[in-house]
């Protein structure tokens, strides 16, 4: 089964922090965006494996609506 998740990347002093929008507990950091992206995928795989081992329900992706809101200030 293929599932898609929404990744959010934030620039931090040491590089980038990556977090899944639908599963905020999946979070990691990397020196570059690409490194952070790969580490986030690894963190997600590990979280899914841990949930399976514990018999927990695995959170599905695409349960969030992401949009930008523009205002004039």
PDB file of N, CA and C in Angstrom:
ATOM      1  N   UNK A   1       0.847  -1.173   0.000  1.00  0.00           N
ATOM      2  CA  UNK A   1       0.000   0.000   0.000  1.00  0.00           C
ATOM      3  C   UNK A   1       0.899   1.246   0.000  1.00  0.00           C
ATOM      4  N   UNK A   2       0.570   2.201  -0.827  1.00  0.00           N
ATOM      5  CA  UNK A   2       1.309   3.456  -0.904  1.00  0.00           C
ATOM      6  C   UNK A   2       0.484   4.537  -0.231  1.00  0.00           C
ATOM      7  N   UNK A   3       1.136   5.297   0.633  1.00  0.00           N
ATOM      8  CA  UNK A   3       0.483   6.393   1.337  1.00  0.00           C
ATOM      9  C   UNK A   3       1.324   7.644   1.158  1.00  0.00           C
ATOM     10  N   UNK A   4       0.713   8.787   1.062  1.00  0.00           N
ATOM     11  CA  UNK A   4       1.419  10.058   0.923  1.00  0.00           C
ATOM     12  C   UNK A   4       1.220  10.887   2.181  1.00  0.00           C
ATOM     13  N   UNK A   5       2.283  11.525   2.609  1.00  0.00           N
ATOM     14  CA  UNK A   5       2.246  12.405   3.774  1.00  0.00           C
ATOM     15  C   UNK A   5       2.748  13.779   3.362  1.00  0.00           C
ATOM     16  N   UNK A   6       2.370  14.785   4.116  1.00  0.00           N
ATOM     17  CA  UNK A   6       2.772  16.161   3.829  1.00  0.00           C
ATOM     18  C   UNK A   6       3.937  16.530   4.735  1.00  0.00           C
ATOM     19  N   UNK A   7       5.083  16.852   4.119  1.00  0.00           N
ATOM     20  CA  UNK A   7       6.266  17.249   4.881  1.00  0.00           C
ATOM     21  C   UNK A   7       6.351  18.767   4.951  1.00  0.00           C
ATOM     22  N   UNK A   8       6.720  19.245   6.125  1.00  0.00           N
ATOM     23  CA  UNK A   8       6.928  20.678   6.345  1.00  0.00           C
ATOM     24  C   UNK A   8       8.393  20.860   6.738  1.00  0.00           C
ATOM     25  N   UNK A   9       9.101  21.734   6.019  1.00  0.00           N
ATOM     26  CA  UNK A   9      10.513  21.974   6.295  1.00  0.00           C
ATOM     27  C   UNK A   9      10.693  23.407   6.785  1.00  0.00           C
ATOM     28  N   UNK A  10      11.457  23.550   7.864  1.00  0.00           N
ATOM     29  CA  UNK A  10      11.729  24.845   8.449  1.00  0.00           C
ATOM     30  C   UNK A  10      13.233  25.052   8.510  1.00  0.00           C
ATOM     31  N   UNK A  11      13.692  26.201   8.035  1.00  0.00           N
ATOM     32  CA  UNK A  11      15.119  26.533   8.096  1.00  0.00           C
ATOM     33  C   UNK A  11      15.474  26.827   9.543  1.00  0.00           C
ATOM     34  N   UNK A  12      16.499  26.152  10.068  1.00  0.00           N
ATOM     35  CA  UNK A  12      16.983  26.385  11.420  1.00  0.00           C
ATOM     36  C   UNK A  12      18.480  26.676  11.355  1.00  0.00           C
ATOM     37  N   UNK A  13      19.051  27.077  12.463  1.00  0.00           N
ATOM     38  CA  UNK A  13      20.455  27.477  12.486  1.00  0.00           C
ATOM     39  C   UNK A  13      21.392  26.379  11.975  1.00  0.00           C
ATOM     40  N   UNK A  14      21.113  25.125  12.322  1.00  0.00           N
ATOM     41  CA  UNK A  14      21.987  24.020  11.928  1.00  0.00           C
ATOM     42  C   UNK A  14      21.625  23.400  10.584  1.00  0.00           C
ATOM     43  N   UNK A  15      20.610  23.905   9.898  1.00  0.00           N
ATOM     44  CA  UNK A  15      20.193  23.359   8.601  1.00  0.00           C
ATOM     45  C   UNK A  15      18.689  23.431   8.420  1.00  0.00           C
ATOM     46  N   UNK A  16      18.038  22.253   8.467  1.00  0.00           N
ATOM     47  CA  UNK A  16      16.586  22.176   8.281  1.00  0.00           C
ATOM     48  C   UNK A  16      15.972  21.219   9.286  1.00  0.00           C
ATOM     49  N   UNK A  17      14.759  21.538   9.695  1.00  0.00           N
ATOM     50  CA  UNK A  17      13.951  20.638  10.497  1.00  0.00           C
ATOM     51  C   UNK A  17      12.794  20.180   9.612  1.00  0.00           C
ATOM     52  N   UNK A  18      12.532  18.889   9.602  1.00  0.00           N
ATOM     53  CA  UNK A  18      11.421  18.342   8.830  1.00  0.00           C
ATOM     54  C   UNK A  18      10.422  17.680   9.759  1.00  0.00           C
ATOM     55  N   UNK A  19       9.141  17.848   9.440  1.00  0.00           N
ATOM     56  CA  UNK A  19       8.075  17.289  10.260  1.00  0.00           C
ATOM     57  C   UNK A  19       6.904  16.932   9.358  1.00  0.00           C
ATOM     58  N   UNK A  20       6.202  15.862   9.700  1.00  0.00           N
ATOM     59  CA  UNK A  20       5.014  15.496   8.943  1.00  0.00           C
ATOM     60  C   UNK A  20       3.809  16.226   9.502  1.00  0.00           C
ATOM     61  N   UNK A  21       3.033  16.827   8.636  1.00  0.00           N
ATOM     62  CA  UNK A  21       1.855  17.589   9.051  1.00  0.00           C
ATOM     63  C   UNK A  21       0.816  16.657   9.671  1.00  0.00           C
ATOM     64  N   UNK A  22       0.573  15.524   9.038  1.00  0.00           N
ATOM     65  CA  UNK A  22      -0.457  14.606   9.520  1.00  0.00           C
ATOM     66  C   UNK A  22      -0.001  13.803  10.744  1.00  0.00           C
ATOM     67  N   UNK A  23       1.311  13.722  10.961  1.00  0.00           N
ATOM     68  CA  UNK A  23       1.863  12.905  12.041  1.00  0.00           C
ATOM     69  C   UNK A  23       3.002  13.697  12.682  1.00  0.00           C
ATOM     70  N   UNK A  24       2.685  14.710  13.486  1.00  0.00           N
ATOM     71  CA  UNK A  24       3.688  15.643  14.006  1.00  0.00           C
ATOM     72  C   UNK A  24       4.784  15.002  14.849  1.00  0.00           C
ATOM     73  N   UNK A  25       4.550  13.795  15.360  1.00  0.00           N
ATOM     74  CA  UNK A  25       5.572  13.115  16.144  1.00  0.00           C
ATOM     75  C   UNK A  25       6.753  12.676  15.283  1.00  0.00           C
ATOM     76  N   UNK A  26       6.551  12.615  13.969  1.00  0.00           N
ATOM     77  CA  UNK A  26       7.635  12.265  13.051  1.00  0.00           C
ATOM     78  C   UNK A  26       8.352  13.550  12.683  1.00  0.00           C
ATOM     79  N   UNK A  27       9.514  13.753  13.298  1.00  0.00           N
ATOM     80  CA  UNK A  27      10.266  14.991  13.140  1.00  0.00           C
ATOM     81  C   UNK A  27      11.752  14.666  13.145  1.00  0.00           C
ATOM     82  N   UNK A  28      12.535  15.399  12.376  1.00  0.00           N
ATOM     83  CA  UNK A  28      13.980  15.174  12.313  1.00  0.00           C
ATOM     84  C   UNK A  28      14.667  16.439  11.824  1.00  0.00           C
ATOM     85  N   UNK A  29      15.995  16.400  11.810  1.00  0.00           N
ATOM     86  CA  UNK A  29      16.786  17.531  11.329  1.00  0.00           C
ATOM     87  C   UNK A  29      17.884  17.032  10.403  1.00  0.00           C
ATOM     88  N   UNK A  30      18.320  17.922   9.505  1.00  0.00           N
ATOM     89  CA  UNK A  30      19.425  17.611   8.612  1.00  0.00           C
ATOM     90  C   UNK A  30      20.178  18.881   8.245  1.00  0.00           C
ATOM     91  N   UNK A  31      21.441  18.710   7.849  1.00  0.00           N
ATOM     92  CA  UNK A  31      22.243  19.886   7.471  1.00  0.00           C
ATOM     93  C   UNK A  31      21.748  20.519   6.182  1.00  0.00           C
ATOM     94  N   UNK A  32      21.284  19.683   5.241  1.00  0.00           N
ATOM     95  CA  UNK A  32      20.764  20.183   3.975  1.00  0.00           C
ATOM     96  C   UNK A  32      19.307  19.759   3.845  1.00  0.00           C
ATOM     97  N   UNK A  33      18.592  20.371   2.916  1.00  0.00           N
ATOM     98  CA  UNK A  33      17.199  19.999   2.693  1.00  0.00           C
ATOM     99  C   UNK A  33      17.092  18.549   2.242  1.00  0.00           C
ATOM    100  N   UNK A  34      17.984  18.133   1.351  1.00  0.00           N
ATOM    101  CA  UNK A  34      17.951  16.746   0.865  1.00  0.00           C
ATOM    102  C   UNK A  34      18.234  15.760   1.995  1.00  0.00           C
ATOM    103  N   UNK A  35      19.217  16.079   2.838  1.00  0.00           N
ATOM    104  CA  UNK A  35      19.522  15.203   3.975  1.00  0.00           C
ATOM    105  C   UNK A  35      18.330  15.122   4.918  1.00  0.00           C
ATOM    106  N   UNK A  36      17.705  16.247   5.183  1.00  0.00           N
ATOM    107  CA  UNK A  36      16.530  16.279   6.052  1.00  0.00           C
ATOM    108  C   UNK A  36      15.394  15.457   5.457  1.00  0.00           C
ATOM    109  N   UNK A  37      15.204  15.580   4.164  1.00  0.00           N
ATOM    110  CA  UNK A  37      14.150  14.838   3.462  1.00  0.00           C
ATOM    111  C   UNK A  37      14.359  13.325   3.622  1.00  0.00           C
ATOM    112  N   UNK A  38      15.592  12.870   3.410  1.00  0.00           N
ATOM    113  CA  UNK A  38      15.893  11.441   3.533  1.00  0.00           C
ATOM    114  C   UNK A  38      15.731  10.970   4.976  1.00  0.00           C
ATOM    115  N   UNK A  39      16.178  11.778   5.922  1.00  0.00           N
ATOM    116  CA  UNK A  39      16.045  11.412   7.332  1.00  0.00           C
ATOM    117  C   UNK A  39      14.582  11.373   7.759  1.00  0.00           C
ATOM    118  N   UNK A  40      13.757  12.252   7.185  1.00  0.00           N
ATOM    119  CA  UNK A  40      12.329  12.250   7.498  1.00  0.00           C
ATOM    120  C   UNK A  40      11.672  10.975   6.983  1.00  0.00           C
ATOM    121  N   UNK A  41      12.066  10.540   5.787  1.00  0.00           N
ATOM    122  CA  UNK A  41      11.544   9.272   5.257  1.00  0.00           C
ATOM    123  C   UNK A  41      11.939   8.109   6.157  1.00  0.00           C
ATOM    124  N   UNK A  42      13.197   8.098   6.611  1.00  0.00           N
ATOM    125  CA  UNK A  42      13.654   7.044   7.517  1.00  0.00           C
ATOM    126  C   UNK A  42      12.887   7.078   8.833  1.00  0.00           C
ATOM    127  N   UNK A  43      12.673   8.285   9.376  1.00  0.00           N
ATOM    128  CA  UNK A  43      11.927   8.421  10.627  1.00  0.00           C
ATOM    129  C   UNK A  43      10.504   7.905  10.470  1.00  0.00           C
ATOM    130  N   UNK A  44       9.881   8.186   9.324  1.00  0.00           N
ATOM    131  CA  UNK A  44       8.521   7.700   9.066  1.00  0.00           C
ATOM    132  C   UNK A  44       8.497   6.181   9.000  1.00  0.00           C
ATOM    133  N   UNK A  45       9.467   5.593   8.302  1.00  0.00           N
ATOM    134  CA  UNK A  45       9.531   4.123   8.215  1.00  0.00           C
ATOM    135  C   UNK A  45       9.680   3.500   9.602  1.00  0.00           C
ATOM    136  N   UNK A  46      10.536   4.098  10.428  1.00  0.00           N
ATOM    137  CA  UNK A  46      10.742   3.581  11.784  1.00  0.00           C
ATOM    138  C   UNK A  46       9.486   3.720  12.635  1.00  0.00           C
ATOM    139  N   UNK A  47       8.774   4.832  12.494  1.00  0.00           N
ATOM    140  CA  UNK A  47       7.540   5.047  13.253  1.00  0.00           C
ATOM    141  C   UNK A  47       6.481   4.024  12.840  1.00  0.00           C
ATOM    142  N   UNK A  48       6.359   3.780  11.548  1.00  0.00           N
ATOM    143  CA  UNK A  48       5.391   2.791  11.065  1.00  0.00           C
ATOM    144  C   UNK A  48       5.731   1.413  11.601  1.00  0.00           C
ATOM    145  N   UNK A  49       7.024   1.050  11.572  1.00  0.00           N
ATOM    146  CA  UNK A  49       7.454  -0.241  12.094  1.00  0.00           C
ATOM    147  C   UNK A  49       7.138  -0.367  13.582  1.00  0.00           C
ATOM    148  N   UNK A  50       7.411   0.687  14.349  1.00  0.00           N
ATOM    149  CA  UNK A  50       7.125   0.665  15.782  1.00  0.00           C
ATOM    150  C   UNK A  50       5.629   0.519  16.047  1.00  0.00           C
ATOM    151  N   UNK A  51       4.808   1.233  15.276  1.00  0.00           N
ATOM    152  CA  UNK A  51       3.352   1.126  15.442  1.00  0.00           C
ATOM    153  C   UNK A  51       2.870  -0.286  15.111  1.00  0.00           C
ATOM    154  N   UNK A  52       3.409  -0.873  14.059  1.00  0.00           N
ATOM    155  CA  UNK A  52       3.019  -2.245  13.693  1.00  0.00           C
ATOM    156  C   UNK A  52       3.380  -3.220  14.804  1.00  0.00           C
ATOM    157  N   UNK A  53       4.590  -3.081  15.352  1.00  0.00           N
ATOM    158  CA  UNK A  53       5.041  -3.978  16.415  1.00  0.00           C
ATOM    159  C   UNK A  53       4.175  -3.852  17.661  1.00  0.00           C
ATOM    160  N   UNK A  54       3.647  -2.665  17.918  1.00  0.00           N
ATOM    161  CA  UNK A  54       2.812  -2.427  19.096  1.00  0.00           C
ATOM    162  C   UNK A  54       1.327  -2.652  18.827  1.00  0.00           C
ATOM    163  N   UNK A  55       0.994  -2.993  17.589  1.00  0.00           N
ATOM    164  CA  UNK A  55      -0.403  -3.236  17.236  1.00  0.00           C
ATOM    165  C   UNK A  55      -1.235  -1.976  17.175  1.00  0.00           C
ATOM    166  N   UNK A  56      -0.591  -0.825  17.018  1.00  0.00           N
ATOM    167  CA  UNK A  56      -1.315   0.443  16.929  1.00  0.00           C
ATOM    168  C   UNK A  56      -1.744   0.716  15.495  1.00  0.00           C
ATOM    169  N   UNK A  57      -2.801   1.516  15.364  1.00  0.00           N
ATOM    170  CA  UNK A  57      -3.273   1.924  14.047  1.00  0.00           C
ATOM    171  C   UNK A  57      -2.303   2.935  13.444  1.00  0.00           C
ATOM    172  N   UNK A  58      -1.906   2.688  12.207  1.00  0.00           N
ATOM    173  CA  UNK A  58      -0.976   3.574  11.512  1.00  0.00           C
ATOM    174  C   UNK A  58      -1.761   4.746  10.933  1.00  0.00           C
ATOM    175  N   UNK A  59      -1.287   5.940  11.230  1.00  0.00           N
ATOM    176  CA  UNK A  59      -1.951   7.143  10.731  1.00  0.00           C
ATOM    177  C   UNK A  59      -1.782   7.241   9.220  1.00  0.00           C
ATOM    178  N   UNK A  60      -2.863   7.537   8.535  1.00  0.00           N
ATOM    179  CA  UNK A  60      -2.825   7.686   7.084  1.00  0.00           C
ATOM    180  C   UNK A  60      -2.506   9.129   6.727  1.00  0.00           C
ATOM    181  N   UNK A  61      -1.902   9.305   5.584  1.00  0.00           N
ATOM    182  CA  UNK A  61      -1.577  10.644   5.104  1.00  0.00           C
ATOM    183  C   UNK A  61      -2.775  11.308   4.464  1.00  0.00           C
ATOM    184  N   UNK A  62      -2.548  12.509   3.987  1.00  0.00           N
ATOM    185  CA  UNK A  62      -3.544  13.307   3.275  1.00  0.00           C
ATOM    186  C   UNK A  62      -4.805  13.579   4.066  1.00  0.00           C
ATOM    187  N   UNK A  63      -4.676  13.714   5.373  1.00  0.00           N
ATOM    188  CA  UNK A  63      -5.862  14.033   6.162  1.00  0.00           C
ATOM    189  C   UNK A  63      -5.924  15.522   6.493  1.00  0.00           C
ATOM    190  N   UNK A  64      -4.965  16.276   5.966  1.00  0.00           N
ATOM    191  CA  UNK A  64      -4.904  17.707   6.263  1.00  0.00           C
ATOM    192  C   UNK A  64      -5.109  18.527   5.001  1.00  0.00           C
ATOM    193  N   UNK A  65      -5.633  19.710   5.189  1.00  0.00           N
ATOM    194  CA  UNK A  65      -5.746  20.683   4.107  1.00  0.00           C
ATOM    195  C   UNK A  65      -4.712  21.753   4.382  1.00  0.00           C
ATOM    196  N   UNK A  66      -3.811  21.971   3.441  1.00  0.00           N
ATOM    197  CA  UNK A  66      -2.772  22.982   3.577  1.00  0.00           C
ATOM    198  C   UNK A  66      -3.054  24.089   2.571  1.00  0.00           C
ATOM    199  N   UNK A  67      -3.107  25.324   3.055  1.00  0.00           N
ATOM    200  CA  UNK A  67      -3.289  26.437   2.148  1.00  0.00           C
ATOM    201  C   UNK A  67      -2.621  27.675   2.729  1.00  0.00           C
ATOM    202  N   UNK A  68      -2.219  28.568   1.865  1.00  0.00           N
ATOM    203  CA  UNK A  68      -1.669  29.839   2.305  1.00  0.00           C
ATOM    204  C   UNK A  68      -2.791  30.859   2.381  1.00  0.00           C
ATOM    205  N   UNK A  69      -2.700  31.707   3.390  1.00  0.00           N
ATOM    206  CA  UNK A  69      -3.691  32.767   3.566  1.00  0.00           C
ATOM    207  C   UNK A  69      -2.946  34.085   3.406  1.00  0.00           C
ATOM    208  N   UNK A  70      -3.442  34.930   2.530  1.00  0.00           N
ATOM    209  CA  UNK A  70      -2.820  36.216   2.267  1.00  0.00           C
ATOM    210  C   UNK A  70      -3.641  37.340   2.877  1.00  0.00           C
ATOM    211  N   UNK A  71      -2.949  38.228   3.588  1.00  0.00           N
ATOM    212  CA  UNK A  71      -3.619  39.406   4.143  1.00  0.00           C
ATOM    213  C   UNK A  71      -2.773  40.644   3.866  1.00  0.00           C
ATOM    214  N   UNK A  72      -3.415  41.760   3.838  1.00  0.00           N
ATOM    215  CA  UNK A  72      -2.709  43.022   3.668  1.00  0.00           C
ATOM    216  C   UNK A  72      -2.508  43.625   5.052  1.00  0.00           C
ATOM    217  N   UNK A  73      -1.274  44.025   5.357  1.00  0.00           N
ATOM    218  CA  UNK A  73      -1.006  44.622   6.667  1.00  0.00           C
ATOM    219  C   UNK A  73      -0.440  46.015   6.505  1.00  0.00           C
TER     220      UNK A  73
END
